[in-house]
PDBML (XML) file of the C-alpha atoms, coordinates in Angstrom:
<?xml version="1.0" encoding="UTF-8" ?>
<PDBx:datablock datablockName="MODEL"
   xmlns:PDBx="http://pdbml.pdb.org/schema/pdbx-v50.xsd"
   xmlns:xsi="http://www.w3.org/2001/XMLSchema-instance"
   xsi:schemaLocation="http://pdbml.pdb.org/schema/pdbx-v50.xsd pdbx-v50.xsd">
   <PDBx:atom_siteCategory>
      <PDBx:atom_site id="1">
         <PDBx:B_iso_or_equiv>0.00</PDBx:B_iso_or_equiv>
         <PDBx:Cartn_x>119.891</PDBx:Cartn_x>
         <PDBx:Cartn_y>16.587</PDBx:Cartn_y>
         <PDBx:Cartn_z>-111.526</PDBx:Cartn_z>
         <PDBx:auth_asym_id>A</PDBx:auth_asym_id>
         <PDBx:auth_atom_id>CA</PDBx:auth_atom_id>
         <PDBx:auth_comp_id>THR</PDBx:auth_comp_id>
         <PDBx:auth_seq_id>1</PDBx:auth_seq_id>
         <PDBx:group_PDB>ATOM</PDBx:group_PDB>
         <PDBx:label_alt_id xsi:nil="true" />
         <PDBx:label_asym_id>A</PDBx:label_asym_id>
         <PDBx:label_atom_id>CA</PDBx:label_atom_id>
         <PDBx:label_comp_id>THR</PDBx:label_comp_id>
         <PDBx:label_entity_id>1</PDBx:label_entity_id>
         <PDBx:label_seq_id>1</PDBx:label_seq_id>
         <PDBx:occupancy>1.00</PDBx:occupancy>
         <PDBx:pdbx_PDB_model_num>1</PDBx:pdbx_PDB_model_num>
         <PDBx:type_symbol>C</PDBx:type_symbol>
      </PDBx:atom_site>
      <PDBx:atom_site id="2">
         <PDBx:B_iso_or_equiv>0.00</PDBx:B_iso_or_equiv>
         <PDBx:Cartn_x>119.061</PDBx:Cartn_x>
         <PDBx:Cartn_y>20.330</PDBx:Cartn_y>
         <PDBx:Cartn_z>-111.581</PDBx:Cartn_z>
         <PDBx:auth_asym_id>A</PDBx:auth_asym_id>
         <PDBx:auth_atom_id>CA</PDBx:auth_atom_id>
         <PDBx:auth_comp_id>VAL</PDBx:auth_comp_id>
         <PDBx:auth_seq_id>2</PDBx:auth_seq_id>
         <PDBx:group_PDB>ATOM</PDBx:group_PDB>
         <PDBx:label_alt_id xsi:nil="true" />
         <PDBx:label_asym_id>A</PDBx:label_asym_id>
         <PDBx:label_atom_id>CA</PDBx:label_atom_id>
         <PDBx:label_comp_id>VAL</PDBx:label_comp_id>
         <PDBx:label_entity_id>1</PDBx:label_entity_id>
         <PDBx:label_seq_id>2</PDBx:label_seq_id>
         <PDBx:occupancy>1.00</PDBx:occupancy>
         <PDBx:pdbx_PDB_model_num>1</PDBx:pdbx_PDB_model_num>
         <PDBx:type_symbol>C</PDBx:type_symbol>
      </PDBx:atom_site>
      <PDBx:atom_site id="3">
         <PDBx:B_iso_or_equiv>0.00</PDBx:B_iso_or_equiv>
         <PDBx:Cartn_x>121.394</PDBx:Cartn_x>
         <PDBx:Cartn_y>22.820</PDBx:Cartn_y>
         <PDBx:Cartn_z>-113.260</PDBx:Cartn_z>
         <PDBx:auth_asym_id>A</PDBx:auth_asym_id>
         <PDBx:auth_atom_id>CA</PDBx:auth_atom_id>
         <PDBx:auth_comp_id>TYR</PDBx:auth_comp_id>
         <PDBx:auth_seq_id>3</PDBx:auth_seq_id>
         <PDBx:group_PDB>ATOM</PDBx:group_PDB>
         <PDBx:label_alt_id xsi:nil="true" />
         <PDBx:label_asym_id>A</PDBx:label_asym_id>
         <PDBx:label_atom_id>CA</PDBx:label_atom_id>
         <PDBx:label_comp_id>TYR</PDBx:label_comp_id>
         <PDBx:label_entity_id>1</PDBx:label_entity_id>
         <PDBx:label_seq_id>3</PDBx:label_seq_id>
         <PDBx:occupancy>1.00</PDBx:occupancy>
         <PDBx:pdbx_PDB_model_num>1</PDBx:pdbx_PDB_model_num>
         <PDBx:type_symbol>C</PDBx:type_symbol>
      </PDBx:atom_site>
      <PDBx:atom_site id="4">
         <PDBx:B_iso_or_equiv>0.00</PDBx:B_iso_or_equiv>
         <PDBx:Cartn_x>121.159</PDBx:Cartn_x>
         <PDBx:Cartn_y>26.605</PDBx:Cartn_y>
         <PDBx:Cartn_z>-113.640</PDBx:Cartn_z>
         <PDBx:auth_asym_id>A</PDBx:auth_asym_id>
         <PDBx:auth_atom_id>CA</PDBx:auth_atom_id>
         <PDBx:auth_comp_id>ARG</PDBx:auth_comp_id>
         <PDBx:auth_seq_id>4</PDBx:auth_seq_id>
         <PDBx:group_PDB>ATOM</PDBx:group_PDB>
         <PDBx:label_alt_id xsi:nil="true" />
         <PDBx:label_asym_id>A</PDBx:label_asym_id>
         <PDBx:label_atom_id>CA</PDBx:label_atom_id>
         <PDBx:label_comp_id>ARG</PDBx:label_comp_id>
         <PDBx:label_entity_id>1</PDBx:label_entity_id>
         <PDBx:label_seq_id>4</PDBx:label_seq_id>
         <PDBx:occupancy>1.00</PDBx:occupancy>
         <PDBx:pdbx_PDB_model_num>1</PDBx:pdbx_PDB_model_num>
         <PDBx:type_symbol>C</PDBx:type_symbol>
      </PDBx:atom_site>
      <PDBx:atom_site id="5">
         <PDBx:B_iso_or_equiv>0.00</PDBx:B_iso_or_equiv>
         <PDBx:Cartn_x>122.553</PDBx:Cartn_x>
         <PDBx:Cartn_y>28.561</PDBx:Cartn_y>
         <PDBx:Cartn_z>-116.574</PDBx:Cartn_z>
         <PDBx:auth_asym_id>A</PDBx:auth_asym_id>
         <PDBx:auth_atom_id>CA</PDBx:auth_atom_id>
         <PDBx:auth_comp_id>LEU</PDBx:auth_comp_id>
         <PDBx:auth_seq_id>5</PDBx:auth_seq_id>
         <PDBx:group_PDB>ATOM</PDBx:group_PDB>
         <PDBx:label_alt_id xsi:nil="true" />
         <PDBx:label_asym_id>A</PDBx:label_asym_id>
         <PDBx:label_atom_id>CA</PDBx:label_atom_id>
         <PDBx:label_comp_id>LEU</PDBx:label_comp_id>
         <PDBx:label_entity_id>1</PDBx:label_entity_id>
         <PDBx:label_seq_id>5</PDBx:label_seq_id>
         <PDBx:occupancy>1.00</PDBx:occupancy>
         <PDBx:pdbx_PDB_model_num>1</PDBx:pdbx_PDB_model_num>
         <PDBx:type_symbol>C</PDBx:type_symbol>
      </PDBx:atom_site>
      <PDBx:atom_site id="6">
         <PDBx:B_iso_or_equiv>0.00</PDBx:B_iso_or_equiv>
         <PDBx:Cartn_x>125.025</PDBx:Cartn_x>
         <PDBx:Cartn_y>31.027</PDBx:Cartn_y>
         <PDBx:Cartn_z>-115.112</PDBx:Cartn_z>
         <PDBx:auth_asym_id>A</PDBx:auth_asym_id>
         <PDBx:auth_atom_id>CA</PDBx:auth_atom_id>
         <PDBx:auth_comp_id>ASP</PDBx:auth_comp_id>
         <PDBx:auth_seq_id>6</PDBx:auth_seq_id>
         <PDBx:group_PDB>ATOM</PDBx:group_PDB>
         <PDBx:label_alt_id xsi:nil="true" />
         <PDBx:label_asym_id>A</PDBx:label_asym_id>
         <PDBx:label_atom_id>CA</PDBx:label_atom_id>
         <PDBx:label_comp_id>ASP</PDBx:label_comp_id>
         <PDBx:label_entity_id>1</PDBx:label_entity_id>
         <PDBx:label_seq_id>6</PDBx:label_seq_id>
         <PDBx:occupancy>1.00</PDBx:occupancy>
         <PDBx:pdbx_PDB_model_num>1</PDBx:pdbx_PDB_model_num>
         <PDBx:type_symbol>C</PDBx:type_symbol>
      </PDBx:atom_site>
      <PDBx:atom_site id="7">
         <PDBx:B_iso_or_equiv>0.00</PDBx:B_iso_or_equiv>
         <PDBx:Cartn_x>126.094</PDBx:Cartn_x>
         <PDBx:Cartn_y>34.459</PDBx:Cartn_y>
         <PDBx:Cartn_z>-116.197</PDBx:Cartn_z>
         <PDBx:auth_asym_id>A</PDBx:auth_asym_id>
         <PDBx:auth_atom_id>CA</PDBx:auth_atom_id>
         <PDBx:auth_comp_id>GLU</PDBx:auth_comp_id>
         <PDBx:auth_seq_id>7</PDBx:auth_seq_id>
         <PDBx:group_PDB>ATOM</PDBx:group_PDB>
         <PDBx:label_alt_id xsi:nil="true" />
         <PDBx:label_asym_id>A</PDBx:label_asym_id>
         <PDBx:label_atom_id>CA</PDBx:label_atom_id>
         <PDBx:label_comp_id>GLU</PDBx:label_comp_id>
         <PDBx:label_entity_id>1</PDBx:label_entity_id>
         <PDBx:label_seq_id>7</PDBx:label_seq_id>
         <PDBx:occupancy>1.00</PDBx:occupancy>
         <PDBx:pdbx_PDB_model_num>1</PDBx:pdbx_PDB_model_num>
         <PDBx:type_symbol>C</PDBx:type_symbol>
      </PDBx:atom_site>
      <PDBx:atom_site id="8">
         <PDBx:B_iso_or_equiv>0.00</PDBx:B_iso_or_equiv>
         <PDBx:Cartn_x>128.783</PDBx:Cartn_x>
         <PDBx:Cartn_y>33.129</PDBx:Cartn_y>
         <PDBx:Cartn_z>-118.569</PDBx:Cartn_z>
         <PDBx:auth_asym_id>A</PDBx:auth_asym_id>
         <PDBx:auth_atom_id>CA</PDBx:auth_atom_id>
         <PDBx:auth_comp_id>ILE</PDBx:auth_comp_id>
         <PDBx:auth_seq_id>8</PDBx:auth_seq_id>
         <PDBx:group_PDB>ATOM</PDBx:group_PDB>
         <PDBx:label_alt_id xsi:nil="true" />
         <PDBx:label_asym_id>A</PDBx:label_asym_id>
         <PDBx:label_atom_id>CA</PDBx:label_atom_id>
         <PDBx:label_comp_id>ILE</PDBx:label_comp_id>
         <PDBx:label_entity_id>1</PDBx:label_entity_id>
         <PDBx:label_seq_id>8</PDBx:label_seq_id>
         <PDBx:occupancy>1.00</PDBx:occupancy>
         <PDBx:pdbx_PDB_model_num>1</PDBx:pdbx_PDB_model_num>
         <PDBx:type_symbol>C</PDBx:type_symbol>
      </PDBx:atom_site>
      <PDBx:atom_site id="9">
         <PDBx:B_iso_or_equiv>0.00</PDBx:B_iso_or_equiv>
         <PDBx:Cartn_x>126.266</PDBx:Cartn_x>
         <PDBx:Cartn_y>30.771</PDBx:Cartn_y>
         <PDBx:Cartn_z>-120.240</PDBx:Cartn_z>
         <PDBx:auth_asym_id>A</PDBx:auth_asym_id>
         <PDBx:auth_atom_id>CA</PDBx:auth_atom_id>
         <PDBx:auth_comp_id>GLN</PDBx:auth_comp_id>
         <PDBx:auth_seq_id>9</PDBx:auth_seq_id>
         <PDBx:group_PDB>ATOM</PDBx:group_PDB>
         <PDBx:label_alt_id xsi:nil="true" />
         <PDBx:label_asym_id>A</PDBx:label_asym_id>
         <PDBx:label_atom_id>CA</PDBx:label_atom_id>
         <PDBx:label_comp_id>GLN</PDBx:label_comp_id>
         <PDBx:label_entity_id>1</PDBx:label_entity_id>
         <PDBx:label_seq_id>9</PDBx:label_seq_id>
         <PDBx:occupancy>1.00</PDBx:occupancy>
         <PDBx:pdbx_PDB_model_num>1</PDBx:pdbx_PDB_model_num>
         <PDBx:type_symbol>C</PDBx:type_symbol>
      </PDBx:atom_site>
      <PDBx:atom_site id="10">
         <PDBx:B_iso_or_equiv>0.00</PDBx:B_iso_or_equiv>
         <PDBx:Cartn_x>127.509</PDBx:Cartn_x>
         <PDBx:Cartn_y>27.614</PDBx:Cartn_y>
         <PDBx:Cartn_z>-118.587</PDBx:Cartn_z>
         <PDBx:auth_asym_id>A</PDBx:auth_asym_id>
         <PDBx:auth_atom_id>CA</PDBx:auth_atom_id>
         <PDBx:auth_comp_id>GLU</PDBx:auth_comp_id>
         <PDBx:auth_seq_id>10</PDBx:auth_seq_id>
         <PDBx:group_PDB>ATOM</PDBx:group_PDB>
         <PDBx:label_alt_id xsi:nil="true" />
         <PDBx:label_asym_id>A</PDBx:label_asym_id>
         <PDBx:label_atom_id>CA</PDBx:label_atom_id>
         <PDBx:label_comp_id>GLU</PDBx:label_comp_id>
         <PDBx:label_entity_id>1</PDBx:label_entity_id>
         <PDBx:label_seq_id>10</PDBx:label_seq_id>
         <PDBx:occupancy>1.00</PDBx:occupancy>
         <PDBx:pdbx_PDB_model_num>1</PDBx:pdbx_PDB_model_num>
         <PDBx:type_symbol>C</PDBx:type_symbol>
      </PDBx:atom_site>
      <PDBx:atom_site id="11">
         <PDBx:B_iso_or_equiv>0.00</PDBx:B_iso_or_equiv>
         <PDBx:Cartn_x>125.411</PDBx:Cartn_x>
         <PDBx:Cartn_y>25.009</PDBx:Cartn_y>
         <PDBx:Cartn_z>-116.754</PDBx:Cartn_z>
         <PDBx:auth_asym_id>A</PDBx:auth_asym_id>
         <PDBx:auth_atom_id>CA</PDBx:auth_atom_id>
         <PDBx:auth_comp_id>TRP</PDBx:auth_comp_id>
         <PDBx:auth_seq_id>11</PDBx:auth_seq_id>
         <PDBx:group_PDB>ATOM</PDBx:group_PDB>
         <PDBx:label_alt_id xsi:nil="true" />
         <PDBx:label_asym_id>A</PDBx:label_asym_id>
         <PDBx:label_atom_id>CA</PDBx:label_atom_id>
         <PDBx:label_comp_id>TRP</PDBx:label_comp_id>
         <PDBx:label_entity_id>1</PDBx:label_entity_id>
         <PDBx:label_seq_id>11</PDBx:label_seq_id>
         <PDBx:occupancy>1.00</PDBx:occupancy>
         <PDBx:pdbx_PDB_model_num>1</PDBx:pdbx_PDB_model_num>
         <PDBx:type_symbol>C</PDBx:type_symbol>
      </PDBx:atom_site>
      <PDBx:atom_site id="12">
         <PDBx:B_iso_or_equiv>0.00</PDBx:B_iso_or_equiv>
         <PDBx:Cartn_x>126.093</PDBx:Cartn_x>
         <PDBx:Cartn_y>24.935</PDBx:Cartn_y>
         <PDBx:Cartn_z>-113.013</PDBx:Cartn_z>
         <PDBx:auth_asym_id>A</PDBx:auth_asym_id>
         <PDBx:auth_atom_id>CA</PDBx:auth_atom_id>
         <PDBx:auth_comp_id>LYS</PDBx:auth_comp_id>
         <PDBx:auth_seq_id>12</PDBx:auth_seq_id>
         <PDBx:group_PDB>ATOM</PDBx:group_PDB>
         <PDBx:label_alt_id xsi:nil="true" />
         <PDBx:label_asym_id>A</PDBx:label_asym_id>
         <PDBx:label_atom_id>CA</PDBx:label_atom_id>
         <PDBx:label_comp_id>LYS</PDBx:label_comp_id>
         <PDBx:label_entity_id>1</PDBx:label_entity_id>
         <PDBx:label_seq_id>12</PDBx:label_seq_id>
         <PDBx:occupancy>1.00</PDBx:occupancy>
         <PDBx:pdbx_PDB_model_num>1</PDBx:pdbx_PDB_model_num>
         <PDBx:type_symbol>C</PDBx:type_symbol>
      </PDBx:atom_site>
      <PDBx:atom_site id="13">
         <PDBx:B_iso_or_equiv>0.00</PDBx:B_iso_or_equiv>
         <PDBx:Cartn_x>124.874</PDBx:Cartn_x>
         <PDBx:Cartn_y>21.813</PDBx:Cartn_y>
         <PDBx:Cartn_z>-111.163</PDBx:Cartn_z>
         <PDBx:auth_asym_id>A</PDBx:auth_asym_id>
         <PDBx:auth_atom_id>CA</PDBx:auth_atom_id>
         <PDBx:auth_comp_id>ALA</PDBx:auth_comp_id>
         <PDBx:auth_seq_id>13</PDBx:auth_seq_id>
         <PDBx:group_PDB>ATOM</PDBx:group_PDB>
         <PDBx:label_alt_id xsi:nil="true" />
         <PDBx:label_asym_id>A</PDBx:label_asym_id>
         <PDBx:label_atom_id>CA</PDBx:label_atom_id>
         <PDBx:label_comp_id>ALA</PDBx:label_comp_id>
         <PDBx:label_entity_id>1</PDBx:label_entity_id>
         <PDBx:label_seq_id>13</PDBx:label_seq_id>
         <PDBx:occupancy>1.00</PDBx:occupancy>
         <PDBx:pdbx_PDB_model_num>1</PDBx:pdbx_PDB_model_num>
         <PDBx:type_symbol>C</PDBx:type_symbol>
      </PDBx:atom_site>
      <PDBx:atom_site id="14">
         <PDBx:B_iso_or_equiv>0.00</PDBx:B_iso_or_equiv>
         <PDBx:Cartn_x>122.697</PDBx:Cartn_x>
         <PDBx:Cartn_y>22.786</PDBx:Cartn_y>
         <PDBx:Cartn_z>-108.293</PDBx:Cartn_z>
         <PDBx:auth_asym_id>A</PDBx:auth_asym_id>
         <PDBx:auth_atom_id>CA</PDBx:auth_atom_id>
         <PDBx:auth_comp_id>ILE</PDBx:auth_comp_id>
         <PDBx:auth_seq_id>14</PDBx:auth_seq_id>
         <PDBx:group_PDB>ATOM</PDBx:group_PDB>
         <PDBx:label_alt_id xsi:nil="true" />
         <PDBx:label_asym_id>A</PDBx:label_asym_id>
         <PDBx:label_atom_id>CA</PDBx:label_atom_id>
         <PDBx:label_comp_id>ILE</PDBx:label_comp_id>
         <PDBx:label_entity_id>1</PDBx:label_entity_id>
         <PDBx:label_seq_id>14</PDBx:label_seq_id>
         <PDBx:occupancy>1.00</PDBx:occupancy>
         <PDBx:pdbx_PDB_model_num>1</PDBx:pdbx_PDB_model_num>
         <PDBx:type_symbol>C</PDBx:type_symbol>
      </PDBx:atom_site>
      <PDBx:atom_site id="15">
         <PDBx:B_iso_or_equiv>0.00</PDBx:B_iso_or_equiv>
         <PDBx:Cartn_x>121.612</PDBx:Cartn_x>
         <PDBx:Cartn_y>19.495</PDBx:Cartn_y>
         <PDBx:Cartn_z>-106.739</PDBx:Cartn_z>
         <PDBx:auth_asym_id>A</PDBx:auth_asym_id>
         <PDBx:auth_atom_id>CA</PDBx:auth_atom_id>
         <PDBx:auth_comp_id>ARG</PDBx:auth_comp_id>
         <PDBx:auth_seq_id>15</PDBx:auth_seq_id>
         <PDBx:group_PDB>ATOM</PDBx:group_PDB>
         <PDBx:label_alt_id xsi:nil="true" />
         <PDBx:label_asym_id>A</PDBx:label_asym_id>
         <PDBx:label_atom_id>CA</PDBx:label_atom_id>
         <PDBx:label_comp_id>ARG</PDBx:label_comp_id>
         <PDBx:label_entity_id>1</PDBx:label_entity_id>
         <PDBx:label_seq_id>15</PDBx:label_seq_id>
         <PDBx:occupancy>1.00</PDBx:occupancy>
         <PDBx:pdbx_PDB_model_num>1</PDBx:pdbx_PDB_model_num>
         <PDBx:type_symbol>C</PDBx:type_symbol>
      </PDBx:atom_site>
      <PDBx:atom_site id="16">
         <PDBx:B_iso_or_equiv>0.00</PDBx:B_iso_or_equiv>
         <PDBx:Cartn_x>120.730</PDBx:Cartn_x>
         <PDBx:Cartn_y>15.868</PDBx:Cartn_y>
         <PDBx:Cartn_z>-107.441</PDBx:Cartn_z>
         <PDBx:auth_asym_id>A</PDBx:auth_asym_id>
         <PDBx:auth_atom_id>CA</PDBx:auth_atom_id>
         <PDBx:auth_comp_id>PRO</PDBx:auth_comp_id>
         <PDBx:auth_seq_id>16</PDBx:auth_seq_id>
         <PDBx:group_PDB>ATOM</PDBx:group_PDB>
         <PDBx:label_alt_id xsi:nil="true" />
         <PDBx:label_asym_id>A</PDBx:label_asym_id>
         <PDBx:label_atom_id>CA</PDBx:label_atom_id>
         <PDBx:label_comp_id>PRO</PDBx:label_comp_id>
         <PDBx:label_entity_id>1</PDBx:label_entity_id>
         <PDBx:label_seq_id>16</PDBx:label_seq_id>
         <PDBx:occupancy>1.00</PDBx:occupancy>
         <PDBx:pdbx_PDB_model_num>1</PDBx:pdbx_PDB_model_num>
         <PDBx:type_symbol>C</PDBx:type_symbol>
      </PDBx:atom_site>
      <PDBx:atom_site id="17">
         <PDBx:B_iso_or_equiv>0.00</PDBx:B_iso_or_equiv>
         <PDBx:Cartn_x>117.388</PDBx:Cartn_x>
         <PDBx:Cartn_y>14.468</PDBx:Cartn_y>
         <PDBx:Cartn_z>-106.502</PDBx:Cartn_z>
         <PDBx:auth_asym_id>A</PDBx:auth_asym_id>
         <PDBx:auth_atom_id>CA</PDBx:auth_atom_id>
         <PDBx:auth_comp_id>GLY</PDBx:auth_comp_id>
         <PDBx:auth_seq_id>17</PDBx:auth_seq_id>
         <PDBx:group_PDB>ATOM</PDBx:group_PDB>
         <PDBx:label_alt_id xsi:nil="true" />
         <PDBx:label_asym_id>A</PDBx:label_asym_id>
         <PDBx:label_atom_id>CA</PDBx:label_atom_id>
         <PDBx:label_comp_id>GLY</PDBx:label_comp_id>
         <PDBx:label_entity_id>1</PDBx:label_entity_id>
         <PDBx:label_seq_id>17</PDBx:label_seq_id>
         <PDBx:occupancy>1.00</PDBx:occupancy>
         <PDBx:pdbx_PDB_model_num>1</PDBx:pdbx_PDB_model_num>
         <PDBx:type_symbol>C</PDBx:type_symbol>
      </PDBx:atom_site>
      <PDBx:atom_site id="18">
         <PDBx:B_iso_or_equiv>0.00</PDBx:B_iso_or_equiv>
         <PDBx:Cartn_x>115.343</PDBx:Cartn_x>
         <PDBx:Cartn_y>11.291</PDBx:Cartn_y>
         <PDBx:Cartn_z>-106.905</PDBx:Cartn_z>
         <PDBx:auth_asym_id>A</PDBx:auth_asym_id>
         <PDBx:auth_atom_id>CA</PDBx:auth_atom_id>
         <PDBx:auth_comp_id>GLN</PDBx:auth_comp_id>
         <PDBx:auth_seq_id>18</PDBx:auth_seq_id>
         <PDBx:group_PDB>ATOM</PDBx:group_PDB>
         <PDBx:label_alt_id xsi:nil="true" />
         <PDBx:label_asym_id>A</PDBx:label_asym_id>
         <PDBx:label_atom_id>CA</PDBx:label_atom_id>
         <PDBx:label_comp_id>GLN</PDBx:label_comp_id>
         <PDBx:label_entity_id>1</PDBx:label_entity_id>
         <PDBx:label_seq_id>18</PDBx:label_seq_id>
         <PDBx:occupancy>1.00</PDBx:occupancy>
         <PDBx:pdbx_PDB_model_num>1</PDBx:pdbx_PDB_model_num>
         <PDBx:type_symbol>C</PDBx:type_symbol>
      </PDBx:atom_site>
      <PDBx:atom_site id="19">
         <PDBx:B_iso_or_equiv>0.00</PDBx:B_iso_or_equiv>
         <PDBx:Cartn_x>111.686</PDBx:Cartn_x>
         <PDBx:Cartn_y>10.531</PDBx:Cartn_y>
         <PDBx:Cartn_z>-107.559</PDBx:Cartn_z>
         <PDBx:auth_asym_id>A</PDBx:auth_asym_id>
         <PDBx:auth_atom_id>CA</PDBx:auth_atom_id>
         <PDBx:auth_comp_id>THR</PDBx:auth_comp_id>
         <PDBx:auth_seq_id>19</PDBx:auth_seq_id>
         <PDBx:group_PDB>ATOM</PDBx:group_PDB>
         <PDBx:label_alt_id xsi:nil="true" />
         <PDBx:label_asym_id>A</PDBx:label_asym_id>
         <PDBx:label_atom_id>CA</PDBx:label_atom_id>
         <PDBx:label_comp_id>THR</PDBx:label_comp_id>
         <PDBx:label_entity_id>1</PDBx:label_entity_id>
         <PDBx:label_seq_id>19</PDBx:label_seq_id>
         <PDBx:occupancy>1.00</PDBx:occupancy>
         <PDBx:pdbx_PDB_model_num>1</PDBx:pdbx_PDB_model_num>
         <PDBx:type_symbol>C</PDBx:type_symbol>
      </PDBx:atom_site>
      <PDBx:atom_site id="20">
         <PDBx:B_iso_or_equiv>0.00</PDBx:B_iso_or_equiv>
         <PDBx:Cartn_x>109.883</PDBx:Cartn_x>
         <PDBx:Cartn_y>9.001</PDBx:Cartn_y>
         <PDBx:Cartn_z>-104.771</PDBx:Cartn_z>
         <PDBx:auth_asym_id>A</PDBx:auth_asym_id>
         <PDBx:auth_atom_id>CA</PDBx:auth_atom_id>
         <PDBx:auth_comp_id>ASN</PDBx:auth_comp_id>
         <PDBx:auth_seq_id>20</PDBx:auth_seq_id>
         <PDBx:group_PDB>ATOM</PDBx:group_PDB>
         <PDBx:label_alt_id xsi:nil="true" />
         <PDBx:label_asym_id>A</PDBx:label_asym_id>
         <PDBx:label_atom_id>CA</PDBx:label_atom_id>
         <PDBx:label_comp_id>ASN</PDBx:label_comp_id>
         <PDBx:label_entity_id>1</PDBx:label_entity_id>
         <PDBx:label_seq_id>20</PDBx:label_seq_id>
         <PDBx:occupancy>1.00</PDBx:occupancy>
         <PDBx:pdbx_PDB_model_num>1</PDBx:pdbx_PDB_model_num>
         <PDBx:type_symbol>C</PDBx:type_symbol>
      </PDBx:atom_site>
      <PDBx:atom_site id="21">
         <PDBx:B_iso_or_equiv>0.00</PDBx:B_iso_or_equiv>
         <PDBx:Cartn_x>107.365</PDBx:Cartn_x>
         <PDBx:Cartn_y>6.024</PDBx:Cartn_y>
         <PDBx:Cartn_z>-104.816</PDBx:Cartn_z>
         <PDBx:auth_asym_id>A</PDBx:auth_asym_id>
         <PDBx:auth_atom_id>CA</PDBx:auth_atom_id>
         <PDBx:auth_comp_id>ALA</PDBx:auth_comp_id>
         <PDBx:auth_seq_id>21</PDBx:auth_seq_id>
         <PDBx:group_PDB>ATOM</PDBx:group_PDB>
         <PDBx:label_alt_id xsi:nil="true" />
         <PDBx:label_asym_id>A</PDBx:label_asym_id>
         <PDBx:label_atom_id>CA</PDBx:label_atom_id>
         <PDBx:label_comp_id>ALA</PDBx:label_comp_id>
         <PDBx:label_entity_id>1</PDBx:label_entity_id>
         <PDBx:label_seq_id>21</PDBx:label_seq_id>
         <PDBx:occupancy>1.00</PDBx:occupancy>
         <PDBx:pdbx_PDB_model_num>1</PDBx:pdbx_PDB_model_num>
         <PDBx:type_symbol>C</PDBx:type_symbol>
      </PDBx:atom_site>
      <PDBx:atom_site id="22">
         <PDBx:B_iso_or_equiv>0.00</PDBx:B_iso_or_equiv>
         <PDBx:Cartn_x>104.784</PDBx:Cartn_x>
         <PDBx:Cartn_y>8.371</PDBx:Cartn_y>
         <PDBx:Cartn_z>-106.311</PDBx:Cartn_z>
         <PDBx:auth_asym_id>A</PDBx:auth_asym_id>
         <PDBx:auth_atom_id>CA</PDBx:auth_atom_id>
         <PDBx:auth_comp_id>ASP</PDBx:auth_comp_id>
         <PDBx:auth_seq_id>22</PDBx:auth_seq_id>
         <PDBx:group_PDB>ATOM</PDBx:group_PDB>
         <PDBx:label_alt_id xsi:nil="true" />
         <PDBx:label_asym_id>A</PDBx:label_asym_id>
         <PDBx:label_atom_id>CA</PDBx:label_atom_id>
         <PDBx:label_comp_id>ASP</PDBx:label_comp_id>
         <PDBx:label_entity_id>1</PDBx:label_entity_id>
         <PDBx:label_seq_id>22</PDBx:label_seq_id>
         <PDBx:occupancy>1.00</PDBx:occupancy>
         <PDBx:pdbx_PDB_model_num>1</PDBx:pdbx_PDB_model_num>
         <PDBx:type_symbol>C</PDBx:type_symbol>
      </PDBx:atom_site>
      <PDBx:atom_site id="23">
         <PDBx:B_iso_or_equiv>0.00</PDBx:B_iso_or_equiv>
         <PDBx:Cartn_x>107.204</PDBx:Cartn_x>
         <PDBx:Cartn_y>9.578</PDBx:Cartn_y>
         <PDBx:Cartn_z>-109.030</PDBx:Cartn_z>
         <PDBx:auth_asym_id>A</PDBx:auth_asym_id>
         <PDBx:auth_atom_id>CA</PDBx:auth_atom_id>
         <PDBx:auth_comp_id>GLY</PDBx:auth_comp_id>
         <PDBx:auth_seq_id>23</PDBx:auth_seq_id>
         <PDBx:group_PDB>ATOM</PDBx:group_PDB>
         <PDBx:label_alt_id xsi:nil="true" />
         <PDBx:label_asym_id>A</PDBx:label_asym_id>
         <PDBx:label_atom_id>CA</PDBx:label_atom_id>
         <PDBx:label_comp_id>GLY</PDBx:label_comp_id>
         <PDBx:label_entity_id>1</PDBx:label_entity_id>
         <PDBx:label_seq_id>23</PDBx:label_seq_id>
         <PDBx:occupancy>1.00</PDBx:occupancy>
         <PDBx:pdbx_PDB_model_num>1</PDBx:pdbx_PDB_model_num>
         <PDBx:type_symbol>C</PDBx:type_symbol>
      </PDBx:atom_site>
      <PDBx:atom_site id="24">
         <PDBx:B_iso_or_equiv>0.00</PDBx:B_iso_or_equiv>
         <PDBx:Cartn_x>107.484</PDBx:Cartn_x>
         <PDBx:Cartn_y>13.019</PDBx:Cartn_y>
         <PDBx:Cartn_z>-107.451</PDBx:Cartn_z>
         <PDBx:auth_asym_id>A</PDBx:auth_asym_id>
         <PDBx:auth_atom_id>CA</PDBx:auth_atom_id>
         <PDBx:auth_comp_id>ARG</PDBx:auth_comp_id>
         <PDBx:auth_seq_id>24</PDBx:auth_seq_id>
         <PDBx:group_PDB>ATOM</PDBx:group_PDB>
         <PDBx:label_alt_id xsi:nil="true" />
         <PDBx:label_asym_id>A</PDBx:label_asym_id>
         <PDBx:label_atom_id>CA</PDBx:label_atom_id>
         <PDBx:label_comp_id>ARG</PDBx:label_comp_id>
         <PDBx:label_entity_id>1</PDBx:label_entity_id>
         <PDBx:label_seq_id>24</PDBx:label_seq_id>
         <PDBx:occupancy>1.00</PDBx:occupancy>
         <PDBx:pdbx_PDB_model_num>1</PDBx:pdbx_PDB_model_num>
         <PDBx:type_symbol>C</PDBx:type_symbol>
      </PDBx:atom_site>
   </PDBx:atom_siteCategory>
</PDBx:datablock>
């Protein structure tokens, strides 16, 4: 899961992902 620190110093979830068969 990717998060970005916003302007009020809180983590905002951007999007989930999953590694493929090659781990990427």
